[in-house]
Amino acid sequence: MKQLTTNVFDIKDIAKNLAQSLQKDMDIKISHSSALNLASRSLGFKNYNTYKATSDINSSERVQKTNKPFGSRSLSDLANEVKQKQLNQYPPIDSNFIKFGNTSEYSIFVYEEDDIYFLLFRLLNSSTGRIFFNPRYESFSLFVYPDVKTAFNSYDISIKDISDKHLNHKYFQITKHLIQSKKWIDENLEIMDDLFTLMESVKRDRNWFQTIIHEHSEKELENIWQSKKL
């Protein structure tokens, strides 16, 4: 997606107008932070944090080119700082799963719940590492409980029995529900961004997911789980 240019002050006005329009035209009430995230996506950035970090880095680069102050940080230092903030906010949870493999776009994991074994798919470019698709139950699993720092339980959202024709409407309902009802969305905007991105991938690859899971029996997945967990 092509990234468009503006500045931090402009985007705050854009976000304000966006929130007002959504409430007036679609009866969707969102916080200012959520509006900033959506406005950043419309400009071609992954989320507001990415937009602001890029803006800060570009500003720093301009300063370094014109007048390098003593002790100024390099662009790589700034980028590493942004990455470290992400890791602190979303510690890895991969120890909850067994790695099954990768495709060009997804990481695939074996997961066990109530003695049932199944595959979970996560986008390789996931910012949070918290959002998965479960083809067996046709559901999105958001690992956010008890909180995003110590998550080992999922909040599951089903799209089972929703036809491809009506999938966009279902996605709209999911988005509206999360924004209006779940406080942790406003506090962790990257989770919603990861969910948006995975939703679009699922819409495109829905049949492929079913093909993959039918190639691997539950007994095979159980054996993988048991052998790695011992």
Protein backbone atom coordinates (compact mmCIF):
# COMPACT_ATOMS: atom_id res chain seq x y z
CA MET A 1 0.00 0.00 0.00
CA LYS A 2 1.38 3.43 -0.94
CA GLN A 3 2.09 5.66 2.06
CA LEU A 4 0.72 9.20 1.85
CA THR A 5 2.22 12.15 3.65
CA THR A 6 0.82 14.48 6.27
CA ASN A 7 1.97 15.44 9.76
CA VAL A 8 1.04 14.58 13.34
CA PHE A 9 -1.13 17.66 13.74
CA ASP A 10 -3.01 17.02 10.48
CA ILE A 11 -3.70 13.40 11.31
CA LYS A 12 -5.22 14.32 14.67
CA ASP A 13 -7.73 16.54 12.86
CA ILE A 14 -8.37 13.74 10.35
CA ALA A 15 -9.00 11.30 13.19
CA LYS A 16 -11.40 13.70 14.90
CA ASN A 17 -13.41 14.16 11.70
CA LEU A 18 -13.39 10.40 11.08
CA ALA A 19 -14.77 9.64 14.54
CA GLN A 20 -17.50 12.25 14.14
CA SER A 21 -18.48 10.90 10.71
CA LEU A 22 -18.62 7.30 11.90
CA GLN A 23 -20.88 8.23 14.79
CA LYS A 24 -23.15 10.42 12.68
CA ASP A 25 -23.40 8.29 9.54
CA MET A 26 -23.00 4.73 10.85
CA ASP A 27 -23.84 4.97 14.55
CA ILE A 28 -20.38 3.67 15.48
CA LYS A 29 -18.74 5.39 18.42
CA ILE A 30 -14.97 5.03 18.61
CA SER A 31 -12.32 6.58 20.82
CA HIS A 32 -9.85 9.16 19.56
CA SER A 33 -7.04 6.59 19.79
CA SER A 34 -8.98 4.14 17.61
CA ALA A 35 -9.69 6.92 15.11
CA LEU A 36 -5.97 7.75 14.97
CA ASN A 37 -5.25 4.11 14.17
CA LEU A 38 -7.83 3.98 11.38
CA ALA A 39 -6.69 7.32 9.94
CA SER A 40 -3.11 6.05 9.86
CA ARG A 41 -4.23 2.91 7.99
CA SER A 42 -5.99 5.06 5.40
CA LEU A 43 -2.66 6.83 4.80
CA GLY A 44 -0.94 3.51 4.14
CA PHE A 45 0.60 2.88 7.56
CA LYS A 46 0.06 -0.21 9.70
CA ASN A 47 -1.27 1.80 12.67
CA TYR A 48 -0.81 5.12 14.47
CA ASN A 49 2.25 3.93 16.37
CA THR A 50 3.93 2.99 13.10
CA TYR A 51 2.88 6.29 11.54
CA LYS A 52 4.18 8.33 14.47
CA ALA A 53 7.41 6.35 14.70
CA THR A 54 8.00 6.86 10.98
CA SER A 55 7.21 10.54 11.35
CA ASP A 56 9.62 10.82 14.28
CA ILE A 57 12.35 8.99 12.39
CA ASN A 58 11.89 11.19 9.31
CA SER A 59 12.02 14.30 11.50
CA SER A 60 15.18 13.01 13.15
CA GLU A 61 16.71 12.32 9.74
CA ARG A 62 16.02 15.88 8.62
CA VAL A 63 17.64 17.25 11.79
CA GLN A 64 20.69 15.03 11.32
CA LYS A 65 21.13 16.19 7.74
CA THR A 66 20.98 19.89 8.69
CA ASN A 67 22.45 20.04 12.17
CA LYS A 68 23.59 16.87 13.93
CA PRO A 69 23.35 17.55 17.67
CA PHE A 70 25.82 16.00 20.11
CA GLY A 71 24.58 12.59 21.28
CA SER A 72 21.76 12.35 18.69
CA ARG A 73 20.45 8.81 18.09
CA SER A 74 20.81 7.08 14.76
CA LEU A 75 17.84 5.97 12.70
CA SER A 76 18.58 2.35 13.57
CA ASP A 77 18.54 3.23 17.28
CA LEU A 78 15.14 4.85 16.88
CA ALA A 79 13.80 1.87 14.95
CA ASN A 80 15.10 -0.53 17.62
CA GLU A 81 13.45 1.58 20.30
CA VAL A 82 10.08 1.28 18.54
CA LYS A 83 10.57 -2.49 18.17
CA GLN A 84 11.48 -2.86 21.85
CA LYS A 85 8.34 -0.99 22.91
CA GLN A 86 6.29 -3.46 20.87
CA LEU A 87 8.00 -6.42 22.53
CA ASN A 88 7.43 -4.97 25.99
CA GLN A 89 3.75 -4.47 25.22
CA TYR A 90 3.26 -7.84 23.55
CA PRO A 91 5.63 -10.44 25.04
CA PRO A 92 5.90 -13.65 22.97
CA ILE A 93 3.30 -16.33 23.71
CA ASP A 94 4.61 -19.01 21.33
CA SER A 95 5.45 -21.28 24.26
CA ASN A 96 1.69 -21.90 24.51
CA PHE A 97 1.79 -23.69 21.14
CA ILE A 98 3.81 -26.20 19.16
CA LYS A 99 5.33 -24.86 15.95
CA PHE A 100 4.06 -26.87 12.98
CA GLY A 101 5.64 -24.94 10.12
CA ASN A 102 5.53 -21.84 7.93
CA THR A 103 4.14 -20.87 4.57
CA SER A 104 5.15 -17.75 2.68
CA GLU A 105 2.49 -15.83 4.63
CA TYR A 106 1.56 -17.77 7.77
CA SER A 107 3.09 -19.36 10.82
CA ILE A 108 1.23 -22.57 11.69
CA PHE A 109 0.92 -23.96 15.21
CA VAL A 110 -0.58 -26.99 16.92
CA TYR A 111 -2.78 -26.10 19.86
CA GLU A 112 -4.64 -28.15 22.44
CA GLU A 113 -7.83 -27.21 24.24
CA ASP A 114 -10.03 -29.56 26.25
CA ASP A 115 -8.10 -32.54 24.84
CA ILE A 116 -8.89 -31.46 21.27
CA TYR A 117 -5.94 -30.81 18.94
CA PHE A 118 -6.07 -28.43 15.99
CA LEU A 119 -4.05 -26.03 13.85
CA LEU A 120 -3.89 -22.27 14.35
CA PHE A 121 -2.63 -19.87 11.66
CA ARG A 122 -0.96 -16.52 12.36
CA LEU A 123 0.30 -13.99 9.84
CA LEU A 124 4.08 -13.81 9.62
CA ASN A 125 3.94 -10.01 9.83
CA SER A 126 1.77 -9.99 12.97
CA SER A 127 2.68 -7.05 15.20
CA THR A 128 1.33 -8.55 18.41
CA GLY A 129 1.60 -12.30 17.87
CA ARG A 130 -1.84 -12.51 19.50
CA ILE A 131 -4.24 -13.02 16.57
CA PHE A 132 -4.86 -16.45 15.01
CA PHE A 133 -7.32 -18.12 12.68
CA ASN A 134 -8.72 -21.53 13.64
CA PRO A 135 -10.02 -23.20 10.45
CA ARG A 136 -11.47 -26.19 12.29
CA TYR A 137 -14.00 -23.98 14.05
CA GLU A 138 -13.79 -21.12 11.54
CA SER A 139 -13.02 -18.63 14.25
CA PHE A 140 -10.54 -15.90 15.06
CA SER A 141 -8.71 -16.43 18.34
CA LEU A 142 -7.50 -13.29 20.11
CA PHE A 143 -5.12 -14.23 22.92
CA VAL A 144 -5.74 -11.33 25.28
CA TYR A 145 -6.78 -12.91 28.60
CA PRO A 146 -6.12 -12.39 31.43
CA ASP A 147 -4.22 -9.52 29.75
CA VAL A 148 -1.97 -9.00 26.76
CA LYS A 149 1.22 -9.39 28.81
CA THR A 150 0.30 -12.76 30.29
CA ALA A 151 -2.19 -14.07 27.75
CA PHE A 152 -2.90 -17.79 27.73
CA ASN A 153 -6.66 -17.74 27.07
CA SER A 154 -8.34 -16.60 23.89
CA TYR A 155 -11.35 -14.49 23.02
CA ASP A 156 -12.90 -16.33 20.07
CA ILE A 157 -14.99 -14.84 17.28
CA SER A 158 -16.79 -17.26 14.97
CA ILE A 159 -17.52 -16.83 11.27
CA LYS A 160 -18.85 -20.39 10.95
CA ASP A 161 -21.73 -20.80 8.49
CA ILE A 162 -21.21 -17.25 7.18
CA SER A 163 -21.08 -17.36 3.38
CA ASP A 164 -18.34 -15.55 1.49
CA LYS A 165 -21.04 -13.26 0.13
CA HIS A 166 -21.94 -12.06 3.63
CA LEU A 167 -18.44 -12.10 5.11
CA ASN A 168 -17.87 -8.36 4.77
CA HIS A 169 -21.06 -7.65 6.72
CA LYS A 170 -19.95 -10.09 9.43
CA TYR A 171 -16.57 -8.37 9.61
CA PHE A 172 -18.35 -5.06 10.05
CA GLN A 173 -20.41 -6.50 12.91
CA ILE A 174 -17.28 -7.91 14.58
CA THR A 175 -15.48 -4.58 14.29
CA LYS A 176 -18.42 -2.63 15.70
CA HIS A 177 -18.78 -5.07 18.60
CA LEU A 178 -15.10 -4.95 19.55
CA ILE A 179 -14.80 -1.17 19.31
CA GLN A 180 -17.94 -0.57 21.36
CA SER A 181 -17.63 -3.35 23.92
CA LYS A 182 -13.98 -4.26 24.53
CA LYS A 183 -11.83 -1.80 26.42
CA TRP A 184 -8.63 -3.69 25.62
CA ILE A 185 -9.02 -2.71 21.95
CA ASP A 186 -8.53 0.98 22.72
CA GLU A 187 -5.58 0.19 24.94
CA ASN A 188 -3.92 -2.15 22.39
CA LEU A 189 -4.71 -0.84 18.92
CA GLU A 190 -2.26 -3.17 17.17
CA ILE A 191 -4.52 -6.09 18.13
CA MET A 192 -7.33 -4.67 16.01
CA ASP A 193 -4.92 -3.92 13.20
CA ASP A 194 -3.64 -7.52 13.21
CA LEU A 195 -7.25 -8.73 13.20
CA PHE A 196 -8.16 -6.52 10.21
CA THR A 197 -5.21 -7.84 8.23
CA LEU A 198 -5.92 -11.48 9.08
CA MET A 199 -9.61 -11.06 8.23
CA GLU A 200 -8.70 -10.01 4.70
CA SER A 201 -6.33 -12.96 4.33
CA VAL A 202 -8.98 -15.39 5.56
CA LYS A 203 -11.46 -13.99 3.06
CA ARG A 204 -8.99 -14.74 0.29
CA ASP A 205 -7.62 -18.09 1.56
CA ARG A 206 -10.69 -19.59 3.24
CA ASN A 207 -10.86 -22.67 1.01
CA TRP A 208 -7.10 -23.20 1.25
CA PHE A 209 -7.31 -23.35 5.05
CA GLN A 210 -9.86 -26.15 4.84
CA THR A 211 -7.65 -28.09 2.45
CA ILE A 212 -4.68 -27.86 4.81
CA ILE A 213 -6.51 -28.98 7.94
CA HIS A 214 -8.09 -31.95 6.16
CA GLU A 215 -4.61 -33.17 5.26
CA HIS A 216 -3.68 -33.59 8.93
CA SER A 217 -5.69 -35.80 11.29
CA GLU A 218 -6.32 -34.91 14.90
CA LYS A 219 -4.34 -38.00 15.91
CA GLU A 220 -1.31 -36.72 14.00
CA LEU A 221 -1.59 -33.35 15.73
CA GLU A 222 -2.00 -35.05 19.12
CA ASN A 223 1.18 -37.05 18.53
CA ILE A 224 3.09 -33.89 17.60
CA TRP A 225 1.76 -32.11 20.67
CA GLN A 226 2.56 -34.96 23.05
CA SER A 227 6.05 -35.56 21.67
CA LYS A 228 7.04 -31.89 21.92
CA LYS A 229 5.42 -31.22 25.28
CA LEU A 230 7.11 -34.16 27.03
